[in-house]
Amino acid sequence: MSEKLKEFVEIPQEFVHDGRQFLVRCTKPSQKEFLQICRAVAVGFAVMGFLGYFVKLIHIPM
């Protein structure tokens, strides 16, 4: 019975500890990093958009 109670208390403590470690490691990106991420996402959107457009262009006549 004691082991179950101990386990019941340890699980939330581990969760809180892991959550704190995660928040401590997270940092806000600098402006340079943010712009780099934005560019990468924009290029990804453009590539996928053009790819989808050409696939649709090829399949419409079929």
C-alpha atoms as a PDB file:
ATOM      1  CA  MET A   1       0.000   0.000   0.000  1.00  0.00           C
ATOM      2  CA  SER A   2       2.862   2.350   0.812  1.00  0.00           C
ATOM      3  CA  GLU A   3       4.475   1.795  -2.572  1.00  0.00           C
ATOM      4  CA  LYS A   4       1.338   2.843  -4.447  1.00  0.00           C
ATOM      5  CA  LEU A   5       1.058   6.014  -2.386  1.00  0.00           C
ATOM      6  CA  LYS A   6       4.736   6.767  -2.975  1.00  0.00           C
ATOM      7  CA  GLU A   7       4.312   6.216  -6.719  1.00  0.00           C
ATOM      8  CA  PHE A   8       1.153   8.375  -6.711  1.00  0.00           C
ATOM      9  CA  VAL A   9       3.178  11.258  -5.241  1.00  0.00           C
ATOM     10  CA  GLU A  10       6.339  10.766  -7.354  1.00  0.00           C
ATOM     11  CA  ILE A  11       4.665  10.935 -10.775  1.00  0.00           C
ATOM     12  CA  PRO A  12       3.376  14.539 -10.429  1.00  0.00           C
ATOM     13  CA  GLN A  13       6.705  15.603  -8.894  1.00  0.00           C
ATOM     14  CA  GLU A  14       8.611  14.181 -11.870  1.00  0.00           C
ATOM     15  CA  PHE A  15       6.202  15.903 -14.249  1.00  0.00           C
ATOM     16  CA  VAL A  16       6.698  19.282 -12.566  1.00  0.00           C
ATOM     17  CA  HIS A  17      10.476  18.792 -12.496  1.00  0.00           C
ATOM     18  CA  ASP A  18      10.598  17.898 -16.201  1.00  0.00           C
ATOM     19  CA  GLY A  19       8.334  20.841 -17.040  1.00  0.00           C
ATOM     20  CA  ARG A  20      10.588  23.249 -15.170  1.00  0.00           C
ATOM     21  CA  GLN A  21      13.680  21.907 -16.947  1.00  0.00           C
ATOM     22  CA  PHE A  22      11.934  22.388 -20.296  1.00  0.00           C
ATOM     23  CA  LEU A  23      10.974  25.989 -19.515  1.00  0.00           C
ATOM     24  CA  VAL A  24      14.477  26.833 -18.289  1.00  0.00           C
ATOM     25  CA  ARG A  25      16.007  25.522 -21.522  1.00  0.00           C
ATOM     26  CA  CYS A  26      13.527  27.342 -23.772  1.00  0.00           C
ATOM     27  CA  THR A  27      14.679  30.741 -24.932  1.00  0.00           C
ATOM     28  CA  LYS A  28      13.012  33.396 -27.025  1.00  0.00           C
ATOM     29  CA  PRO A  29      14.586  33.512 -30.490  1.00  0.00           C
ATOM     30  CA  SER A  30      16.565  36.584 -31.443  1.00  0.00           C
ATOM     31  CA  GLN A  31      15.321  38.759 -34.306  1.00  0.00           C
ATOM     32  CA  LYS A  32      17.877  37.172 -36.643  1.00  0.00           C
ATOM     33  CA  GLU A  33      16.740  33.644 -35.729  1.00  0.00           C
ATOM     34  CA  PHE A  34      13.077  34.624 -36.064  1.00  0.00           C
ATOM     35  CA  LEU A  35      13.601  36.068 -39.549  1.00  0.00           C
ATOM     36  CA  GLN A  36      15.525  32.975 -40.594  1.00  0.00           C
ATOM     37  CA  ILE A  37      12.644  30.753 -39.433  1.00  0.00           C
ATOM     38  CA  CYS A  38      10.137  32.986 -41.271  1.00  0.00           C
ATOM     39  CA  ARG A  39      12.141  32.752 -44.495  1.00  0.00           C
ATOM     40  CA  ALA A  40      12.385  28.968 -44.226  1.00  0.00           C
ATOM     41  CA  VAL A  41       8.625  28.669 -43.698  1.00  0.00           C
ATOM     42  CA  ALA A  42       7.910  31.028 -46.607  1.00  0.00           C
ATOM     43  CA  VAL A  43      10.177  29.039 -48.937  1.00  0.00           C
ATOM     44  CA  GLY A  44       8.461  25.825 -47.810  1.00  0.00           C
ATOM     45  CA  PHE A  45       5.022  27.285 -48.517  1.00  0.00           C
ATOM     46  CA  ALA A  46       6.151  28.505 -51.944  1.00  0.00           C
ATOM     47  CA  VAL A  47       7.699  25.173 -52.923  1.00  0.00           C
ATOM     48  CA  MET A  48       4.655  23.198 -51.809  1.00  0.00           C
ATOM     49  CA  GLY A  49       2.345  25.680 -53.549  1.00  0.00           C
ATOM     50  CA  PHE A  50       4.166  25.482 -56.856  1.00  0.00           C
ATOM     51  CA  LEU A  51       4.411  21.711 -56.598  1.00  0.00           C
ATOM     52  CA  GLY A  52       0.671  21.444 -55.954  1.00  0.00           C
ATOM     53  CA  TYR A  53      -0.075  23.848 -58.800  1.00  0.00           C
ATOM     54  CA  PHE A  54       1.981  21.858 -61.310  1.00  0.00           C
ATOM     55  CA  VAL A  55       0.526  18.529 -60.190  1.00  0.00           C
ATOM     56  CA  LYS A  56      -2.985  19.944 -60.587  1.00  0.00           C
ATOM     57  CA  LEU A  57      -2.025  21.471 -63.947  1.00  0.00           C
ATOM     58  CA  ILE A  58      -0.857  18.071 -65.204  1.00  0.00           C
ATOM     59  CA  HIS A  59      -3.871  16.127 -63.863  1.00  0.00           C
ATOM     60  CA  ILE A  60      -6.635  18.472 -65.087  1.00  0.00           C
ATOM     61  CA  PRO A  61      -6.359  17.423 -68.786  1.00  0.00           C
ATOM     62  CA  MET A  62      -6.391  13.740 -67.880  1.00  0.00           C
END
